[in-house]
Every structure is written in C-alpha cells, then in structure tokens.
C-alpha atoms as a PDB file:
ATOM      1  CA  UNK A   1       9.998  38.022-118.394  1.00  0.00           C
ATOM      2  CA  UNK A   2      14.274  37.653-119.373  1.00  0.00           C
ATOM      3  CA  UNK A   3      14.445  40.647-121.264  1.00  0.00           C
ATOM      4  CA  UNK A   4      13.120  42.688-118.190  1.00  0.00           C
ATOM      5  CA  UNK A   5      15.894  40.167-116.220  1.00  0.00           C
ATOM      6  CA  UNK A   6      18.540  41.940-118.976  1.00  0.00           C
ATOM      7  CA  UNK A   7      17.390  44.809-119.129  1.00  0.00           C
ATOM      8  CA  UNK A   8      17.710  45.226-114.530  1.00  0.00           C
ATOM      9  CA  UNK A   9      21.005  42.904-114.782  1.00  0.00           C
ATOM     10  CA  UNK A  10      22.155  46.325-117.187  1.00  0.00           C
ATOM     11  CA  UNK A  11      20.709  49.194-115.121  1.00  0.00           C
ATOM     12  CA  UNK A  12      22.535  47.361-111.948  1.00  0.00           C
ATOM     13  CA  UNK A  13      25.808  47.418-113.886  1.00  0.00           C
ATOM     14  CA  UNK A  14      25.308  50.960-114.472  1.00  0.00           C
ATOM     15  CA  UNK A  15      24.452  51.913-111.085  1.00  0.00           C
ATOM     16  CA  UNK A  16      27.331  50.095-110.019  1.00  0.00           C
ATOM     17  CA  UNK A  17      30.029  51.422-111.822  1.00  0.00           C
ATOM     18  CA  UNK A  18      28.650  55.103-110.722  1.00  0.00           C
ATOM     19  CA  UNK A  19      28.664  53.871-107.108  1.00  0.00           C
ATOM     20  CA  UNK A  20      31.975  52.854-107.899  1.00  0.00           C
ATOM     21  CA  UNK A  21      33.162  56.167-109.553  1.00  0.00           C
ATOM     22  CA  UNK A  22      31.502  58.290-107.211  1.00  0.00           C
ATOM     23  CA  UNK A  23      33.560  56.456-104.500  1.00  0.00           C
ATOM     24  CA  UNK A  24      36.528  56.836-106.077  1.00  0.00           C
ATOM     25  CA  UNK A  25      35.947  60.970-106.021  1.00  0.00           C
ATOM     26  CA  UNK A  26      35.065  60.697-102.308  1.00  0.00           C
ATOM     27  CA  UNK A  27      38.069  59.259-101.848  1.00  0.00           C
ATOM     28  CA  UNK A  28      40.438  61.218-103.530  1.00  0.00           C
ATOM     29  CA  UNK A  29      38.769  64.184-102.316  1.00  0.00           C
ATOM     30  CA  UNK A  30      39.534  63.170 -98.923  1.00  0.00           C
ATOM     31  CA  UNK A  31      43.221  62.251 -99.111  1.00  0.00           C
ATOM     32  CA  UNK A  32      43.385  65.871-100.678  1.00  0.00           C
ATOM     33  CA  UNK A  33      41.927  67.746 -97.291  1.00  0.00           C
ATOM     34  CA  UNK A  34      43.654  68.014 -93.941  1.00  0.00           C
ATOM     35  CA  UNK A  35      42.495  66.914 -90.831  1.00  0.00           C
ATOM     36  CA  UNK A  36      40.602  69.301 -88.576  1.00  0.00           C
ATOM     37  CA  UNK A  37      42.428  70.940 -85.811  1.00  0.00           C
ATOM     38  CA  UNK A  38      40.636  70.183 -82.362  1.00  0.00           C
ATOM     39  CA  UNK A  39      43.420  71.267 -79.951  1.00  0.00           C
ATOM     40  CA  UNK A  40      41.948  74.307 -79.228  1.00  0.00           C
ATOM     41  CA  UNK A  41      38.702  72.332 -78.193  1.00  0.00           C
ATOM     42  CA  UNK A  42      39.739  69.785 -75.882  1.00  0.00           C
ATOM     43  CA  UNK A  43      42.641  71.660 -74.796  1.00  0.00           C
ATOM     44  CA  UNK A  44      40.220  73.934 -72.930  1.00  0.00           C
ATOM     45  CA  UNK A  45      38.205  70.838 -70.923  1.00  0.00           C
ATOM     46  CA  UNK A  46      39.756  69.576 -67.777  1.00  0.00           C
ATOM     47  CA  UNK A  47      37.986  66.249 -67.102  1.00  0.00           C
ATOM     48  CA  UNK A  48      39.933  65.563 -63.635  1.00  0.00           C
ATOM     49  CA  UNK A  49      36.474  66.150 -62.195  1.00  0.00           C
ATOM     50  CA  UNK A  50      34.582  63.899 -63.924  1.00  0.00           C
ATOM     51  CA  UNK A  51      37.217  61.211 -63.137  1.00  0.00           C
ATOM     52  CA  UNK A  52      37.518  61.247 -59.746  1.00  0.00           C
ATOM     53  CA  UNK A  53      33.753  60.879 -59.577  1.00  0.00           C
ATOM     54  CA  UNK A  54      33.682  58.002 -61.664  1.00  0.00           C
ATOM     55  CA  UNK A  55      36.538  56.134 -60.042  1.00  0.00           C
ATOM     56  CA  UNK A  56      34.810  57.366 -56.736  1.00  0.00           C
ATOM     57  CA  UNK A  57      31.506  55.570 -57.983  1.00  0.00           C
ATOM     58  CA  UNK A  58      33.573  52.669 -59.182  1.00  0.00           C
ATOM     59  CA  UNK A  59      35.079  52.657 -55.030  1.00  0.00           C
ATOM     60  CA  UNK A  60      32.104  52.096 -53.784  1.00  0.00           C
ATOM     61  CA  UNK A  61      30.938  49.398 -56.436  1.00  0.00           C
ATOM     62  CA  UNK A  62      33.739  47.578 -55.549  1.00  0.00           C
ATOM     63  CA  UNK A  63      33.486  47.882 -51.962  1.00  0.00           C
ATOM     64  CA  UNK A  64      29.504  46.666 -52.337  1.00  0.00           C
ATOM     65  CA  UNK A  65      30.657  43.651 -53.925  1.00  0.00           C
ATOM     66  CA  UNK A  66      33.004  42.700 -51.203  1.00  0.00           C
ATOM     67  CA  UNK A  67      30.623  43.069 -48.939  1.00  0.00           C
ATOM     68  CA  UNK A  68      28.131  40.971 -50.661  1.00  0.00           C
ATOM     69  CA  UNK A  69      30.892  38.308 -51.243  1.00  0.00           C
ATOM     70  CA  UNK A  70      31.815  38.459 -48.063  1.00  0.00           C
ATOM     71  CA  UNK A  71      28.457  37.880 -46.109  1.00  0.00           C
ATOM     72  CA  UNK A  72      27.824  35.009 -48.639  1.00  0.00           C
ATOM     73  CA  UNK A  73      30.917  33.526 -47.564  1.00  0.00           C
ATOM     74  CA  UNK A  74      29.945  34.046 -43.544  1.00  0.00           C
ATOM     75  CA  UNK A  75      26.454  32.526 -44.439  1.00  0.00           C
ATOM     76  CA  UNK A  76      28.292  29.036 -45.829  1.00  0.00           C
ATOM     77  CA  UNK A  77      30.471  28.744 -42.819  1.00  0.00           C
ATOM     78  CA  UNK A  78      28.180  29.211 -40.438  1.00  0.00           C
ATOM     79  CA  UNK A  79      25.694  26.709 -42.728  1.00  0.00           C
ATOM     80  CA  UNK A  80      28.519  24.280 -42.717  1.00  0.00           C
ATOM     81  CA  UNK A  81      29.009  24.151 -38.717  1.00  0.00           C
END
C-alpha cells in the first residue's frame, strides 16, 4: 500500500510539472501574439434602436412601480380614516 502511495505521489509530481511547463509555454505564446482587431465588426453595428427599446421598457416598468406604490399609499390612507 505504501509503495502504491509513493508511486501515486511521483506520478502527481510529474503531472504537476507537465502542467506548469505547459502553462508557461501557453503564457509565453500569448504574450508574443497580438490581440485580434474587432473594430470593423463593432463599427458597423448600431445599437441606438436597441438602447431606445430597453429604455422604453424600463420607463414602463418604473411607471407601473410608481402606480402600484401610489395605490398602496392611497389604500393605507383610506384605511387609516
């Protein structure tokens, strides 16, 4: 049992060393490459209509919330009389 545990520890050390070595190689490769240029894609997309729609939905939700709170306030005021 002890021999198997030692063999497993050695294997774990080898795998750990391989992972570290592979990570260093990937990091070195990532530093030498340049980032992709997405300016052509992002400049051709127009989000103004989407932003307008999202703001309209948010405005409706705020209006419903204000109406709901106002109704609750009015009902509390009537019950208090």
